[in-house]
Amino acid sequence: MQEATEFYASDLLRRPENAQVRETLPLLAPDERIVQLCNIEALEQIRMANGGRFPDSLDTSAFKDTEISNGKLSAPLGAYRADRKWYYVTFECTPGSDRESVIAFTFELGDEVPQELWEEHELIPEDFDDD
């Protein structure tokens, strides 16, 4: 597992374009707030570890259930989508006491998920707009 030395969620939440997320986060139930905060952190950690390739979707429990214990989120085997492909990811995330920042994050990026597993694990190839 790779241990993060920089954390991004709180900076991302402060950006003007994320005002709605920032305002909604405190309204969520405590566990859901942890999930959302850690998902924000995970997506940015993945992006930074992939040399800037943007992950556009994350399913933390695609292959194993996500757990929250003692305020810490553990995603033992999830998946993220980038460039219309899915990849395995595992991570642990510890939010700060303010529940608006992350103080610890470890992760491991895995291989590409074989396409024949996508449907079974509800991993969609892309999002479609209804326009």
C-alpha atoms as a PDB file:
ATOM      1  CA  MET A   1       0.000   0.000   0.000  1.00  0.00           C
ATOM      2  CA  GLN A   2       1.181   3.485  -0.843  1.00  0.00           C
ATOM      3  CA  GLU A   3       0.889   6.051   1.934  1.00  0.00           C
ATOM      4  CA  ALA A   4      -0.224   9.512   0.872  1.00  0.00           C
ATOM      5  CA  THR A   5       1.933  12.403   2.008  1.00  0.00           C
ATOM      6  CA  GLU A   6      -0.411  15.110   0.736  1.00  0.00           C
ATOM      7  CA  PHE A   7      -4.177  15.307   1.176  1.00  0.00           C
ATOM      8  CA  TYR A   8      -6.527  17.049  -1.244  1.00  0.00           C
ATOM      9  CA  ALA A   9     -10.174  16.801  -0.133  1.00  0.00           C
ATOM     10  CA  SER A  10     -10.272  19.934   2.026  1.00  0.00           C
ATOM     11  CA  ASP A  11      -8.630  22.076  -0.688  1.00  0.00           C
ATOM     12  CA  LEU A  12     -11.012  20.712  -3.317  1.00  0.00           C
ATOM     13  CA  LEU A  13     -14.000  21.471  -1.103  1.00  0.00           C
ATOM     14  CA  ARG A  14     -12.859  25.081  -0.670  1.00  0.00           C
ATOM     15  CA  ARG A  15     -12.946  25.762  -4.407  1.00  0.00           C
ATOM     16  CA  PRO A  16     -15.853  27.964  -5.548  1.00  0.00           C
ATOM     17  CA  GLU A  17     -17.011  25.408  -8.104  1.00  0.00           C
ATOM     18  CA  ASN A  18     -17.533  22.889  -5.279  1.00  0.00           C
ATOM     19  CA  ALA A  19     -19.726  25.141  -3.134  1.00  0.00           C
ATOM     20  CA  GLN A  20     -22.765  22.875  -3.422  1.00  0.00           C
ATOM     21  CA  VAL A  21     -20.797  19.823  -2.270  1.00  0.00           C
ATOM     22  CA  ARG A  22     -19.252  21.828   0.570  1.00  0.00           C
ATOM     23  CA  GLU A  23     -22.694  22.997   1.721  1.00  0.00           C
ATOM     24  CA  THR A  24     -24.311  19.560   1.419  1.00  0.00           C
ATOM     25  CA  LEU A  25     -21.610  17.539   3.173  1.00  0.00           C
ATOM     26  CA  PRO A  26     -22.479  18.678   6.745  1.00  0.00           C
ATOM     27  CA  LEU A  27     -26.120  17.692   6.155  1.00  0.00           C
ATOM     28  CA  LEU A  28     -25.266  14.024   5.581  1.00  0.00           C
ATOM     29  CA  ALA A  29     -25.399  11.286   8.196  1.00  0.00           C
ATOM     30  CA  PRO A  30     -21.959  10.790   9.818  1.00  0.00           C
ATOM     31  CA  ASP A  31     -21.059   7.576   7.965  1.00  0.00           C
ATOM     32  CA  GLU A  32     -22.259   8.934   4.609  1.00  0.00           C
ATOM     33  CA  ARG A  33     -20.213  12.070   5.203  1.00  0.00           C
ATOM     34  CA  ILE A  34     -17.112   9.921   5.747  1.00  0.00           C
ATOM     35  CA  VAL A  35     -17.855   7.980   2.545  1.00  0.00           C
ATOM     36  CA  GLN A  36     -18.255  11.132   0.461  1.00  0.00           C
ATOM     37  CA  LEU A  37     -15.184  12.849   1.911  1.00  0.00           C
ATOM     38  CA  CYS A  38     -13.053   9.744   1.390  1.00  0.00           C
ATOM     39  CA  ASN A  39     -14.364   9.296  -2.162  1.00  0.00           C
ATOM     40  CA  ILE A  40     -13.303  12.862  -2.964  1.00  0.00           C
ATOM     41  CA  GLU A  41      -9.858  12.139  -1.532  1.00  0.00           C
ATOM     42  CA  ALA A  42      -9.602   8.784  -3.321  1.00  0.00           C
ATOM     43  CA  LEU A  43     -10.415  10.207  -6.739  1.00  0.00           C
ATOM     44  CA  GLU A  44      -7.780  12.912  -6.363  1.00  0.00           C
ATOM     45  CA  GLN A  45      -5.151  10.507  -4.996  1.00  0.00           C
ATOM     46  CA  ILE A  46      -5.813   8.185  -7.952  1.00  0.00           C
ATOM     47  CA  ARG A  47      -5.543  11.097 -10.399  1.00  0.00           C
ATOM     48  CA  MET A  48      -2.243  12.238  -8.909  1.00  0.00           C
ATOM     49  CA  ALA A  49      -0.822   8.695  -8.847  1.00  0.00           C
ATOM     50  CA  ASN A  50      -1.822   8.175 -12.500  1.00  0.00           C
ATOM     51  CA  GLY A  51       0.109  11.165 -13.750  1.00  0.00           C
ATOM     52  CA  GLY A  52      -3.007  13.288 -14.067  1.00  0.00           C
ATOM     53  CA  ARG A  53      -5.193  10.759 -15.929  1.00  0.00           C
ATOM     54  CA  PHE A  54      -8.636  11.627 -14.609  1.00  0.00           C
ATOM     55  CA  PRO A  55     -10.693   8.940 -12.870  1.00  0.00           C
ATOM     56  CA  ASP A  56     -14.318   9.850 -13.534  1.00  0.00           C
ATOM     57  CA  SER A  57     -16.095   7.261 -11.398  1.00  0.00           C
ATOM     58  CA  LEU A  58     -15.433   5.254  -8.260  1.00  0.00           C
ATOM     59  CA  ASP A  59     -17.219   2.229  -6.813  1.00  0.00           C
ATOM     60  CA  THR A  60     -15.605   1.536  -3.459  1.00  0.00           C
ATOM     61  CA  SER A  61     -17.520  -1.696  -2.891  1.00  0.00           C
ATOM     62  CA  ALA A  62     -17.512  -3.198  -6.389  1.00  0.00           C
ATOM     63  CA  PHE A  63     -15.860  -6.434  -5.246  1.00  0.00           C
ATOM     64  CA  LYS A  64     -15.832  -6.296  -1.422  1.00  0.00           C
ATOM     65  CA  ASP A  65     -17.988  -4.292   0.962  1.00  0.00           C
ATOM     66  CA  THR A  66     -16.711  -0.980   2.262  1.00  0.00           C
ATOM     67  CA  GLU A  67     -16.476  -0.766   6.048  1.00  0.00           C
ATOM     68  CA  ILE A  68     -16.411   2.132   8.485  1.00  0.00           C
ATOM     69  CA  SER A  69     -14.949   1.432  11.896  1.00  0.00           C
ATOM     70  CA  ASN A  70     -13.780   3.947  14.505  1.00  0.00           C
ATOM     71  CA  GLY A  71     -14.303   6.767  12.008  1.00  0.00           C
ATOM     72  CA  LYS A  72     -12.003   5.156   9.424  1.00  0.00           C
ATOM     73  CA  LEU A  73     -13.183   3.967   6.003  1.00  0.00           C
ATOM     74  CA  SER A  74     -11.753   0.787   4.535  1.00  0.00           C
ATOM     75  CA  ALA A  75     -12.400  -0.088   0.888  1.00  0.00           C
ATOM     76  CA  PRO A  76     -10.790  -3.536   0.583  1.00  0.00           C
ATOM     77  CA  LEU A  77     -11.498  -3.964  -3.134  1.00  0.00           C
ATOM     78  CA  GLY A  78     -13.258  -1.403  -5.257  1.00  0.00           C
ATOM     79  CA  ALA A  79     -12.857  -0.075  -8.762  1.00  0.00           C
ATOM     80  CA  TYR A  80     -12.342   3.250 -10.488  1.00  0.00           C
ATOM     81  CA  ARG A  81     -13.012   4.195 -14.099  1.00  0.00           C
ATOM     82  CA  ALA A  82     -10.575   6.137 -16.255  1.00  0.00           C
ATOM     83  CA  ASP A  83     -10.484   6.384 -20.037  1.00  0.00           C
ATOM     84  CA  ARG A  84     -13.623   4.179 -20.230  1.00  0.00           C
ATOM     85  CA  LYS A  85     -11.865   1.266 -18.489  1.00  0.00           C
ATOM     86  CA  TRP A  86     -12.201   0.018 -14.914  1.00  0.00           C
ATOM     87  CA  TYR A  87      -9.259  -0.655 -12.601  1.00  0.00           C
ATOM     88  CA  TYR A  88      -9.042  -2.260  -9.175  1.00  0.00           C
ATOM     89  CA  VAL A  89      -8.350  -0.031  -6.172  1.00  0.00           C
ATOM     90  CA  THR A  90      -7.942  -0.636  -2.460  1.00  0.00           C
ATOM     91  CA  PHE A  91      -7.714   2.136   0.104  1.00  0.00           C
ATOM     92  CA  GLU A  92      -8.060   3.194   3.720  1.00  0.00           C
ATOM     93  CA  CYS A  93      -9.046   6.724   4.640  1.00  0.00           C
ATOM     94  CA  THR A  94      -9.080   8.504   7.980  1.00  0.00           C
ATOM     95  CA  PRO A  95     -10.976  11.804   8.108  1.00  0.00           C
ATOM     96  CA  GLY A  96      -9.955  14.574  10.481  1.00  0.00           C
ATOM     97  CA  SER A  97     -12.116  15.311  13.502  1.00  0.00           C
ATOM     98  CA  ASP A  98     -13.726  18.160  11.528  1.00  0.00           C
ATOM     99  CA  ARG A  99     -14.987  15.653   8.920  1.00  0.00           C
ATOM    100  CA  GLU A 100     -13.931  18.179   6.285  1.00  0.00           C
ATOM    101  CA  SER A 101     -10.366  16.996   5.823  1.00  0.00           C
ATOM    102  CA  VAL A 102      -8.401  13.765   5.580  1.00  0.00           C
ATOM    103  CA  ILE A 103      -5.476  13.050   7.911  1.00  0.00           C
ATOM    104  CA  ALA A 104      -4.392   9.619   6.635  1.00  0.00           C
ATOM    105  CA  PHE A 105      -4.818   7.820   3.333  1.00  0.00           C
ATOM    106  CA  THR A 106      -3.208   4.629   2.045  1.00  0.00           C
ATOM    107  CA  PHE A 107      -4.018   3.027  -1.288  1.00  0.00           C
ATOM    108  CA  GLU A 108      -3.049   0.519  -3.911  1.00  0.00           C
ATOM    109  CA  LEU A 109      -3.954   0.791  -7.573  1.00  0.00           C
ATOM    110  CA  GLY A 110      -4.503  -2.504  -9.319  1.00  0.00           C
ATOM    111  CA  ASP A 111      -4.747  -3.945 -12.775  1.00  0.00           C
ATOM    112  CA  GLU A 112      -7.533  -3.384 -15.248  1.00  0.00           C
ATOM    113  CA  VAL A 113     -10.789  -5.156 -14.390  1.00  0.00           C
ATOM    114  CA  PRO A 114     -11.603  -7.654 -17.158  1.00  0.00           C
ATOM    115  CA  GLN A 115     -14.575  -6.393 -19.169  1.00  0.00           C
ATOM    116  CA  GLU A 116     -16.455  -9.661 -18.654  1.00  0.00           C
ATOM    117  CA  LEU A 117     -16.761  -8.746 -14.932  1.00  0.00           C
ATOM    118  CA  TRP A 118     -18.207  -5.270 -15.503  1.00  0.00           C
ATOM    119  CA  GLU A 119     -21.878  -6.215 -15.804  1.00  0.00           C
ATOM    120  CA  GLU A 120     -21.796  -8.623 -12.855  1.00  0.00           C
ATOM    121  CA  HIS A 121     -20.346  -5.876 -10.627  1.00  0.00           C
ATOM    122  CA  GLU A 122     -22.459  -3.066 -12.130  1.00  0.00           C
ATOM    123  CA  LEU A 123     -19.468  -1.239 -13.579  1.00  0.00           C
ATOM    124  CA  ILE A 124     -20.837   0.836 -16.442  1.00  0.00           C
ATOM    125  CA  PRO A 125     -18.545   1.747 -19.333  1.00  0.00           C
ATOM    126  CA  GLU A 126     -19.524   5.446 -19.398  1.00  0.00           C
ATOM    127  CA  ASP A 127     -22.080   7.938 -18.207  1.00  0.00           C
ATOM    128  CA  PHE A 128     -24.598   9.241 -20.674  1.00  0.00           C
ATOM    129  CA  ASP A 129     -26.240  12.654 -20.683  1.00  0.00           C
ATOM    130  CA  ASP A 130     -29.963  12.831 -21.340  1.00  0.00           C
ATOM    131  CA  ASP A 131     -29.535  15.877 -23.580  1.00  0.00           C
END
